[in-house]
Amino acid sequence: MSRTWNTRAETGADIPVVRDMVTAAFPTPEEAALVDALRADPGAWIEGLSLVAVDDSDRPVGHALLTRCHIGDRPALCLAPVAVRPERQRGGAGTAAVRAALDAAGRLGERHVVVLGHPEYYPRFGFTRASAHGIGLTVDVPDEALMALTLDAAHPLPAGTVRYAAPFGI
């Protein structure tokens, strides 16, 4: 059964809940540590682009984070990580959080987003293979896993190498 999720920007009170969720959603605590490091990086963190999908008690159950990166010399956003509490996975909370994050980015005037992730999941949001646009990384990843999206059709994706924020270590 499909459900409609409420979404909102993360608040300070959500930080420990989001950390617990990210820790539970991934096999190691590295993703949660990455979120903490991105939150502390003023060059990466953009207020309002850490979005949560919440249950009926307003408790976050899904999370999507967009932070600053660059494609060549052009500013862009990186979508990572996306997490959902394990008991809520496959219920639409992740999709709702991602859509809310992309909408928020568009409202802020952001133009481009990259994601390194599951090629079966992210095309539903409009992501396509980054290499088709001349976008690549300095590390080897499966070609189909690096995807990109333009939030504004008037501004096509630029070609270039993705430069992630320092906490990513790429």
N, C-alpha and C. Protein backbone atom coordinates (compact mmCIF):
# COMPACT_ATOMS: atom_id res chain seq x y z
N MET A 1 0.84 -1.18 0.00
CA MET A 1 0.00 0.00 0.00
C MET A 1 0.88 1.24 0.00
N SER A 2 0.59 2.18 -0.89
CA SER A 2 1.35 3.41 -1.01
C SER A 2 0.93 4.39 0.07
N ARG A 3 1.87 5.16 0.53
CA ARG A 3 1.62 6.11 1.59
C ARG A 3 2.14 7.47 1.17
N THR A 4 1.50 8.52 1.60
CA THR A 4 1.99 9.87 1.39
C THR A 4 2.77 10.28 2.64
N TRP A 5 4.01 10.69 2.43
CA TRP A 5 4.88 11.10 3.53
C TRP A 5 4.94 12.59 3.65
N ASN A 6 4.97 13.09 4.87
CA ASN A 6 5.26 14.50 5.12
C ASN A 6 6.77 14.64 5.16
N THR A 7 7.26 15.73 4.60
CA THR A 7 8.69 16.00 4.59
C THR A 7 8.93 17.41 5.11
N ARG A 8 10.14 17.61 5.61
CA ARG A 8 10.53 18.93 6.09
C ARG A 8 12.04 18.98 6.19
N ALA A 9 12.55 20.20 6.37
CA ALA A 9 13.98 20.36 6.60
C ALA A 9 14.33 19.82 7.98
N GLU A 10 15.49 19.24 8.08
CA GLU A 10 16.00 18.77 9.36
C GLU A 10 16.13 19.94 10.33
N THR A 11 15.83 19.70 11.59
CA THR A 11 16.05 20.68 12.65
C THR A 11 17.17 20.20 13.55
N GLY A 12 17.64 21.06 14.43
CA GLY A 12 18.67 20.67 15.38
C GLY A 12 18.26 19.49 16.23
N ALA A 13 16.98 19.43 16.59
CA ALA A 13 16.48 18.32 17.41
C ALA A 13 16.51 17.00 16.65
N ASP A 14 16.54 17.05 15.33
CA ASP A 14 16.55 15.83 14.51
C ASP A 14 17.94 15.21 14.39
N ILE A 15 18.99 15.94 14.69
CA ILE A 15 20.35 15.47 14.42
C ILE A 15 20.63 14.10 15.03
N PRO A 16 20.36 13.87 16.33
CA PRO A 16 20.65 12.53 16.86
C PRO A 16 19.76 11.43 16.25
N VAL A 17 18.53 11.77 15.90
CA VAL A 17 17.62 10.80 15.29
C VAL A 17 18.13 10.45 13.88
N VAL A 18 18.56 11.46 13.14
CA VAL A 18 19.10 11.22 11.80
C VAL A 18 20.37 10.38 11.90
N ARG A 19 21.22 10.67 12.87
CA ARG A 19 22.45 9.89 13.03
C ARG A 19 22.12 8.42 13.30
N ASP A 20 21.17 8.19 14.20
CA ASP A 20 20.76 6.81 14.49
C ASP A 20 20.19 6.13 13.25
N MET A 21 19.39 6.86 12.47
CA MET A 21 18.78 6.31 11.27
C MET A 21 19.85 5.93 10.25
N VAL A 22 20.80 6.83 10.01
CA VAL A 22 21.85 6.56 9.03
C VAL A 22 22.71 5.38 9.49
N THR A 23 23.01 5.34 10.78
CA THR A 23 23.78 4.22 11.32
C THR A 23 23.04 2.90 11.12
N ALA A 24 21.74 2.90 11.36
CA ALA A 24 20.94 1.68 11.21
C ALA A 24 20.79 1.26 9.75
N ALA A 25 20.79 2.22 8.84
CA ALA A 25 20.53 1.93 7.43
C ALA A 25 21.74 1.40 6.67
N PHE A 26 22.94 1.61 7.20
CA PHE A 26 24.16 1.19 6.51
C PHE A 26 24.91 0.16 7.33
N PRO A 27 25.73 -0.66 6.67
CA PRO A 27 26.41 -1.73 7.39
C PRO A 27 27.51 -1.26 8.35
N THR A 28 28.04 -0.06 8.15
CA THR A 28 29.06 0.48 9.05
C THR A 28 28.65 1.89 9.45
N PRO A 29 29.26 2.45 10.51
CA PRO A 29 28.93 3.82 10.92
C PRO A 29 29.59 4.89 10.06
N GLU A 30 30.28 4.51 9.01
CA GLU A 30 30.99 5.49 8.18
C GLU A 30 30.06 6.53 7.56
N GLU A 31 28.88 6.13 7.11
CA GLU A 31 27.95 7.08 6.49
C GLU A 31 27.46 8.10 7.52
N ALA A 32 27.20 7.66 8.74
CA ALA A 32 26.77 8.59 9.79
C ALA A 32 27.90 9.56 10.12
N ALA A 33 29.12 9.08 10.16
CA ALA A 33 30.28 9.96 10.41
C ALA A 33 30.43 10.96 9.26
N LEU A 34 30.14 10.52 8.04
CA LEU A 34 30.20 11.42 6.89
C LEU A 34 29.18 12.55 7.04
N VAL A 35 27.96 12.23 7.44
CA VAL A 35 26.94 13.27 7.64
C VAL A 35 27.41 14.25 8.70
N ASP A 36 27.96 13.76 9.79
CA ASP A 36 28.47 14.65 10.84
C ASP A 36 29.56 15.56 10.31
N ALA A 37 30.48 15.00 9.53
CA ALA A 37 31.58 15.79 8.97
C ALA A 37 31.07 16.83 7.97
N LEU A 38 30.10 16.45 7.16
CA LEU A 38 29.52 17.41 6.21
C LEU A 38 28.79 18.53 6.93
N ARG A 39 28.09 18.18 8.00
CA ARG A 39 27.38 19.17 8.80
C ARG A 39 28.35 20.21 9.37
N ALA A 40 29.57 19.77 9.69
CA ALA A 40 30.58 20.65 10.29
C ALA A 40 31.41 21.41 9.25
N ASP A 41 31.22 21.11 7.96
CA ASP A 41 32.02 21.73 6.90
C ASP A 41 31.25 22.89 6.28
N PRO A 42 31.65 24.15 6.60
CA PRO A 42 30.90 25.30 6.08
C PRO A 42 30.95 25.44 4.56
N GLY A 43 31.94 24.81 3.91
CA GLY A 43 32.01 24.85 2.46
C GLY A 43 31.10 23.84 1.78
N ALA A 44 30.62 22.87 2.56
CA ALA A 44 29.77 21.81 2.00
C ALA A 44 28.32 21.97 2.42
N TRP A 45 28.10 22.31 3.68
CA TRP A 45 26.75 22.32 4.25
C TRP A 45 25.95 23.50 3.71
N ILE A 46 24.72 23.23 3.31
CA ILE A 46 23.80 24.27 2.86
C ILE A 46 22.53 24.12 3.69
N GLU A 47 22.27 25.11 4.50
CA GLU A 47 21.09 25.07 5.38
C GLU A 47 19.84 24.84 4.55
N GLY A 48 18.99 23.93 5.01
CA GLY A 48 17.73 23.65 4.33
C GLY A 48 17.81 22.52 3.33
N LEU A 49 19.00 21.93 3.12
CA LEU A 49 19.10 20.85 2.14
C LEU A 49 19.38 19.49 2.79
N SER A 50 19.09 19.39 4.07
CA SER A 50 19.05 18.11 4.76
C SER A 50 17.58 17.88 5.08
N LEU A 51 16.94 17.00 4.32
CA LEU A 51 15.50 16.81 4.39
C LEU A 51 15.15 15.47 5.01
N VAL A 52 14.04 15.46 5.74
CA VAL A 52 13.57 14.23 6.36
C VAL A 52 12.12 13.96 5.95
N ALA A 53 11.81 12.67 5.84
CA ALA A 53 10.42 12.22 5.73
C ALA A 53 10.07 11.77 7.14
N VAL A 54 8.89 12.18 7.63
CA VAL A 54 8.53 11.93 9.02
C VAL A 54 7.28 11.07 9.12
N ASP A 55 7.20 10.33 10.24
CA ASP A 55 6.02 9.51 10.49
C ASP A 55 4.92 10.39 11.10
N ASP A 56 3.84 9.78 11.50
CA ASP A 56 2.70 10.53 12.03
C ASP A 56 3.01 11.26 13.33
N SER A 57 4.09 10.87 14.00
CA SER A 57 4.52 11.54 15.24
C SER A 57 5.60 12.58 14.96
N ASP A 58 5.86 12.90 13.71
CA ASP A 58 6.87 13.86 13.27
C ASP A 58 8.29 13.35 13.55
N ARG A 59 8.44 12.05 13.68
CA ARG A 59 9.77 11.45 13.88
C ARG A 59 10.36 11.11 12.52
N PRO A 60 11.59 11.58 12.23
CA PRO A 60 12.21 11.25 10.95
C PRO A 60 12.41 9.75 10.75
N VAL A 61 11.99 9.27 9.60
CA VAL A 61 12.20 7.87 9.23
C VAL A 61 12.96 7.74 7.91
N GLY A 62 13.08 8.83 7.17
CA GLY A 62 13.83 8.87 5.93
C GLY A 62 14.63 10.16 5.87
N HIS A 63 15.78 10.13 5.20
CA HIS A 63 16.67 11.30 5.17
C HIS A 63 17.36 11.36 3.82
N ALA A 64 17.47 12.56 3.28
CA ALA A 64 18.24 12.82 2.06
C ALA A 64 19.05 14.09 2.28
N LEU A 65 20.33 14.03 1.92
CA LEU A 65 21.23 15.15 2.14
C LEU A 65 21.84 15.61 0.82
N LEU A 66 21.79 16.91 0.59
CA LEU A 66 22.46 17.54 -0.54
C LEU A 66 23.52 18.48 0.01
N THR A 67 24.76 18.35 -0.46
CA THR A 67 25.84 19.24 -0.05
C THR A 67 26.56 19.76 -1.28
N ARG A 68 27.36 20.80 -1.07
CA ARG A 68 28.06 21.44 -2.18
C ARG A 68 29.16 20.54 -2.74
N CYS A 69 29.21 20.48 -4.04
CA CYS A 69 30.33 19.89 -4.77
C CYS A 69 30.51 20.78 -6.00
N HIS A 70 31.37 20.38 -6.88
CA HIS A 70 31.57 21.11 -8.14
C HIS A 70 31.69 20.11 -9.28
N ILE A 71 31.23 20.52 -10.43
CA ILE A 71 31.48 19.79 -11.67
C ILE A 71 32.40 20.70 -12.46
N GLY A 72 33.66 20.31 -12.56
CA GLY A 72 34.65 21.23 -13.10
C GLY A 72 34.73 22.42 -12.16
N ASP A 73 34.51 23.62 -12.70
CA ASP A 73 34.53 24.81 -11.85
C ASP A 73 33.12 25.32 -11.52
N ARG A 74 32.10 24.57 -11.92
CA ARG A 74 30.72 24.99 -11.68
C ARG A 74 30.17 24.41 -10.38
N PRO A 75 29.51 25.23 -9.56
CA PRO A 75 28.91 24.69 -8.35
C PRO A 75 27.78 23.72 -8.68
N ALA A 76 27.71 22.67 -7.90
CA ALA A 76 26.67 21.65 -8.05
C ALA A 76 26.38 21.10 -6.66
N LEU A 77 25.51 20.14 -6.60
CA LEU A 77 25.17 19.48 -5.35
C LEU A 77 25.44 17.99 -5.47
N CYS A 78 25.77 17.40 -4.34
CA CYS A 78 25.96 15.95 -4.25
C CYS A 78 24.83 15.41 -3.39
N LEU A 79 24.14 14.42 -3.88
CA LEU A 79 23.09 13.74 -3.12
C LEU A 79 23.72 12.53 -2.44
N ALA A 80 23.91 12.63 -1.13
CA ALA A 80 24.48 11.51 -0.37
C ALA A 80 24.66 11.91 1.08
N PRO A 81 24.33 11.05 1.96
CA PRO A 81 23.64 9.79 1.73
C PRO A 81 22.13 9.96 1.73
N VAL A 82 21.48 8.90 1.30
CA VAL A 82 20.03 8.76 1.44
C VAL A 82 19.84 7.56 2.35
N ALA A 83 19.04 7.74 3.40
CA ALA A 83 18.86 6.65 4.37
C ALA A 83 17.41 6.57 4.81
N VAL A 84 16.99 5.35 5.13
CA VAL A 84 15.65 5.09 5.66
C VAL A 84 15.81 4.08 6.79
N ARG A 85 15.08 4.29 7.87
CA ARG A 85 15.11 3.31 8.96
C ARG A 85 14.80 1.93 8.38
N PRO A 86 15.54 0.91 8.75
CA PRO A 86 15.36 -0.41 8.12
C PRO A 86 13.91 -0.91 8.13
N GLU A 87 13.19 -0.70 9.21
CA GLU A 87 11.81 -1.19 9.28
C GLU A 87 10.84 -0.38 8.41
N ARG A 88 11.31 0.75 7.86
CA ARG A 88 10.47 1.59 6.99
C ARG A 88 10.92 1.56 5.54
N GLN A 89 11.95 0.80 5.23
CA GLN A 89 12.44 0.74 3.86
C GLN A 89 11.40 0.13 2.94
N ARG A 90 11.44 0.56 1.70
CA ARG A 90 10.54 0.13 0.64
C ARG A 90 9.10 0.60 0.83
N GLY A 91 8.97 1.67 1.61
CA GLY A 91 7.65 2.25 1.84
C GLY A 91 7.47 3.66 1.30
N GLY A 92 8.48 4.16 0.59
CA GLY A 92 8.36 5.47 -0.03
C GLY A 92 8.98 6.61 0.75
N ALA A 93 9.47 6.37 1.96
CA ALA A 93 10.04 7.46 2.76
C ALA A 93 11.31 8.02 2.11
N GLY A 94 12.15 7.16 1.56
CA GLY A 94 13.36 7.63 0.90
C GLY A 94 13.05 8.44 -0.34
N THR A 95 12.11 7.95 -1.13
CA THR A 95 11.68 8.68 -2.33
C THR A 95 11.14 10.05 -1.95
N ALA A 96 10.32 10.11 -0.91
CA ALA A 96 9.75 11.39 -0.48
C ALA A 96 10.85 12.34 -0.03
N ALA A 97 11.83 11.85 0.72
CA ALA A 97 12.92 12.70 1.20
C ALA A 97 13.76 13.22 0.03
N VAL A 98 14.06 12.35 -0.94
CA VAL A 98 14.84 12.78 -2.10
C VAL A 98 14.08 13.83 -2.90
N ARG A 99 12.80 13.58 -3.18
CA ARG A 99 12.01 14.56 -3.94
C ARG A 99 11.96 15.90 -3.21
N ALA A 100 11.78 15.87 -1.88
CA ALA A 100 11.74 17.10 -1.10
C ALA A 100 13.08 17.83 -1.16
N ALA A 101 14.17 17.09 -1.11
CA ALA A 101 15.50 17.70 -1.18
C ALA A 101 15.73 18.35 -2.55
N LEU A 102 15.38 17.65 -3.61
CA LEU A 102 15.55 18.21 -4.95
C LEU A 102 14.67 19.44 -5.16
N ASP A 103 13.45 19.39 -4.65
CA ASP A 103 12.56 20.56 -4.74
C ASP A 103 13.14 21.74 -3.97
N ALA A 104 13.65 21.49 -2.77
CA ALA A 104 14.24 22.56 -1.96
C ALA A 104 15.45 23.17 -2.68
N ALA A 105 16.27 22.31 -3.30
CA ALA A 105 17.44 22.80 -4.03
C ALA A 105 17.02 23.69 -5.20
N GLY A 106 16.00 23.27 -5.92
CA GLY A 106 15.49 24.07 -7.02
C GLY A 106 14.99 25.43 -6.56
N ARG A 107 14.30 25.45 -5.42
CA ARG A 107 13.81 26.73 -4.88
C ARG A 107 14.97 27.65 -4.48
N LEU A 108 16.10 27.07 -4.11
CA LEU A 108 17.28 27.86 -3.75
C LEU A 108 18.07 28.32 -4.97
N GLY A 109 17.62 27.92 -6.15
CA GLY A 109 18.31 28.32 -7.38
C GLY A 109 19.47 27.42 -7.77
N GLU A 110 19.58 26.27 -7.12
CA GLU A 110 20.62 25.32 -7.50
C GLU A 110 20.26 24.72 -8.85
N ARG A 111 21.29 24.32 -9.61
CA ARG A 111 21.03 23.87 -10.97
C ARG A 111 21.37 22.41 -11.25
N HIS A 112 22.38 21.88 -10.58
CA HIS A 112 22.87 20.55 -10.96
C HIS A 112 23.11 19.69 -9.73
N VAL A 113 22.84 18.38 -9.88
CA VAL A 113 23.01 17.42 -8.79
C VAL A 113 23.68 16.17 -9.35
N VAL A 114 24.63 15.64 -8.58
CA VAL A 114 25.23 14.35 -8.92
C VAL A 114 24.96 13.37 -7.79
N VAL A 115 24.93 12.10 -8.15
CA VAL A 115 24.75 11.04 -7.15
C VAL A 115 25.58 9.84 -7.59
N LEU A 116 26.20 9.20 -6.63
CA LEU A 116 26.91 7.95 -6.85
C LEU A 116 26.10 6.91 -6.12
N GLY A 117 25.35 6.11 -6.86
CA GLY A 117 24.43 5.20 -6.19
C GLY A 117 23.87 4.14 -7.10
N HIS A 118 22.79 3.53 -6.65
CA HIS A 118 22.16 2.42 -7.36
C HIS A 118 21.51 2.90 -8.65
N PRO A 119 21.96 2.38 -9.80
CA PRO A 119 21.41 2.83 -11.08
C PRO A 119 19.96 2.41 -11.31
N GLU A 120 19.43 1.52 -10.47
CA GLU A 120 18.02 1.14 -10.60
C GLU A 120 17.12 2.11 -9.82
N TYR A 121 17.67 2.82 -8.87
CA TYR A 121 16.87 3.66 -7.96
C TYR A 121 16.77 5.12 -8.44
N TYR A 122 17.88 5.73 -8.75
CA TYR A 122 17.90 7.18 -8.96
C TYR A 122 17.31 7.68 -10.28
N PRO A 123 17.22 6.89 -11.33
CA PRO A 123 16.56 7.41 -12.55
C PRO A 123 15.12 7.84 -12.32
N ARG A 124 14.43 7.31 -11.32
CA ARG A 124 13.05 7.74 -11.06
C ARG A 124 12.94 9.23 -10.76
N PHE A 125 14.07 9.84 -10.37
CA PHE A 125 14.09 11.27 -10.06
C PHE A 125 14.58 12.10 -11.23
N GLY A 126 14.93 11.44 -12.34
CA GLY A 126 15.42 12.13 -13.52
C GLY A 126 16.93 12.05 -13.71
N PHE A 127 17.64 11.34 -12.82
CA PHE A 127 19.08 11.18 -12.98
C PHE A 127 19.38 10.29 -14.18
N THR A 128 20.44 10.67 -14.91
CA THR A 128 20.92 9.89 -16.04
C THR A 128 22.42 9.66 -15.87
N ARG A 129 22.95 8.76 -16.65
CA ARG A 129 24.37 8.42 -16.59
C ARG A 129 25.21 9.69 -16.80
N ALA A 130 26.06 10.00 -15.85
CA ALA A 130 26.86 11.23 -15.90
C ALA A 130 27.82 11.25 -17.08
N SER A 131 28.36 10.09 -17.42
CA SER A 131 29.34 10.05 -18.51
C SER A 131 28.74 10.51 -19.84
N ALA A 132 27.44 10.36 -20.00
CA ALA A 132 26.77 10.83 -21.22
C ALA A 132 26.83 12.35 -21.34
N HIS A 133 27.13 13.02 -20.24
CA HIS A 133 27.23 14.48 -20.23
C HIS A 133 28.68 14.94 -20.08
N GLY A 134 29.61 13.99 -20.16
CA GLY A 134 31.02 14.35 -20.01
C GLY A 134 31.43 14.58 -18.57
N ILE A 135 30.70 13.98 -17.63
CA ILE A 135 30.98 14.14 -16.20
C ILE A 135 31.64 12.86 -15.69
N GLY A 136 32.72 13.02 -14.94
CA GLY A 136 33.42 11.86 -14.42
C GLY A 136 34.00 12.13 -13.04
N LEU A 137 34.70 11.14 -12.53
CA LEU A 137 35.36 11.21 -11.22
C LEU A 137 36.85 10.95 -11.39
N THR A 138 37.61 11.21 -10.35
CA THR A 138 39.04 10.91 -10.36
C THR A 138 39.31 9.50 -9.86
N VAL A 139 38.27 8.79 -9.43
CA VAL A 139 38.39 7.41 -8.96
C VAL A 139 37.53 6.52 -9.86
N ASP A 140 37.88 5.25 -9.91
CA ASP A 140 37.11 4.31 -10.73
C ASP A 140 35.84 3.88 -10.01
N VAL A 141 34.72 4.05 -10.68
CA VAL A 141 33.42 3.57 -10.20
C VAL A 141 32.71 2.98 -11.41
N PRO A 142 31.75 2.10 -11.19
CA PRO A 142 30.97 1.62 -12.34
C PRO A 142 30.30 2.80 -13.05
N ASP A 143 30.43 2.82 -14.36
CA ASP A 143 29.92 3.95 -15.14
C ASP A 143 28.45 4.24 -14.86
N GLU A 144 27.65 3.19 -14.70
CA GLU A 144 26.21 3.40 -14.49
C GLU A 144 25.88 3.92 -13.10
N ALA A 145 26.84 3.88 -12.16
CA ALA A 145 26.57 4.31 -10.79
C ALA A 145 26.69 5.81 -10.59
N LEU A 146 27.46 6.50 -11.43
CA LEU A 146 27.58 7.96 -11.33
C LEU A 146 26.53 8.57 -12.24
N MET A 147 25.61 9.30 -11.62
CA MET A 147 24.50 9.90 -12.36
C MET A 147 24.41 11.38 -12.07
N ALA A 148 23.75 12.11 -12.96
CA ALA A 148 23.61 13.55 -12.81
C ALA A 148 22.21 13.98 -13.24
N LEU A 149 21.84 15.16 -12.76
CA LEU A 149 20.51 15.71 -13.01
C LEU A 149 20.62 17.21 -13.09
N THR A 150 19.93 17.81 -14.03
CA THR A 150 19.80 19.26 -14.03
C THR A 150 18.44 19.61 -13.43
N LEU A 151 18.43 20.59 -12.56
CA LEU A 151 17.19 21.05 -11.93
C LEU A 151 16.53 22.16 -12.73
N ASP A 152 17.25 22.67 -13.73
CA ASP A 152 16.77 23.78 -14.53
C ASP A 152 17.12 23.51 -15.98
N ALA A 153 16.12 23.18 -16.78
CA ALA A 153 16.34 22.81 -18.18
C ALA A 153 17.05 23.89 -18.97
N ALA A 154 16.97 25.13 -18.52
CA ALA A 154 17.66 26.22 -19.21
C ALA A 154 19.16 26.19 -18.97
N HIS A 155 19.60 25.34 -18.05
CA HIS A 155 21.03 25.23 -17.72
C HIS A 155 21.45 23.76 -17.81
N PRO A 156 21.86 23.32 -19.00
CA PRO A 156 22.27 21.92 -19.16
C PRO A 156 23.44 21.57 -18.24
N LEU A 157 23.60 20.30 -18.00
CA LEU A 157 24.70 19.84 -17.16
C LEU A 157 26.03 20.22 -17.79
N PRO A 158 26.96 20.73 -17.00
CA PRO A 158 28.29 21.03 -17.53
C PRO A 158 29.13 19.75 -17.56
N ALA A 159 30.08 19.69 -18.45
CA ALA A 159 31.04 18.58 -18.46
C ALA A 159 32.15 18.90 -17.46
N GLY A 160 32.76 17.86 -16.94
CA GLY A 160 33.90 18.07 -16.06
C GLY A 160 34.02 16.97 -15.02
N THR A 161 35.03 17.10 -14.20
CA THR A 161 35.28 16.15 -13.13
C THR A 161 34.59 16.63 -11.86
N VAL A 162 33.90 15.73 -11.20
CA VAL A 162 33.19 16.08 -9.95
C VAL A 162 34.24 16.20 -8.84
N ARG A 163 34.16 17.32 -8.13
CA ARG A 163 34.99 17.56 -6.95
C ARG A 163 34.06 17.58 -5.75
N TYR A 164 34.14 16.55 -4.94
CA TYR A 164 33.30 16.44 -3.74
C TYR A 164 33.89 17.27 -2.62
N ALA A 165 33.06 17.57 -1.62
CA ALA A 165 33.53 18.22 -0.40
C ALA A 165 34.58 17.32 0.27
N ALA A 166 35.50 17.92 0.99
CA ALA A 166 36.62 17.19 1.62
C ALA A 166 36.19 15.98 2.44
N PRO A 167 35.09 16.03 3.22
CA PRO A 167 34.74 14.86 4.03
C PRO A 167 34.51 13.57 3.23
N PHE A 168 34.21 13.67 1.94
CA PHE A 168 34.02 12.48 1.13
C PHE A 168 35.33 11.74 0.87
N GLY A 169 36.43 12.46 0.94
CA GLY A 169 37.73 11.83 0.71
C GLY A 169 37.97 11.43 -0.73
N ILE A 170 37.26 12.04 -1.66
CA ILE A 170 37.44 11.75 -3.09
C ILE A 170 38.07 12.96 -3.77
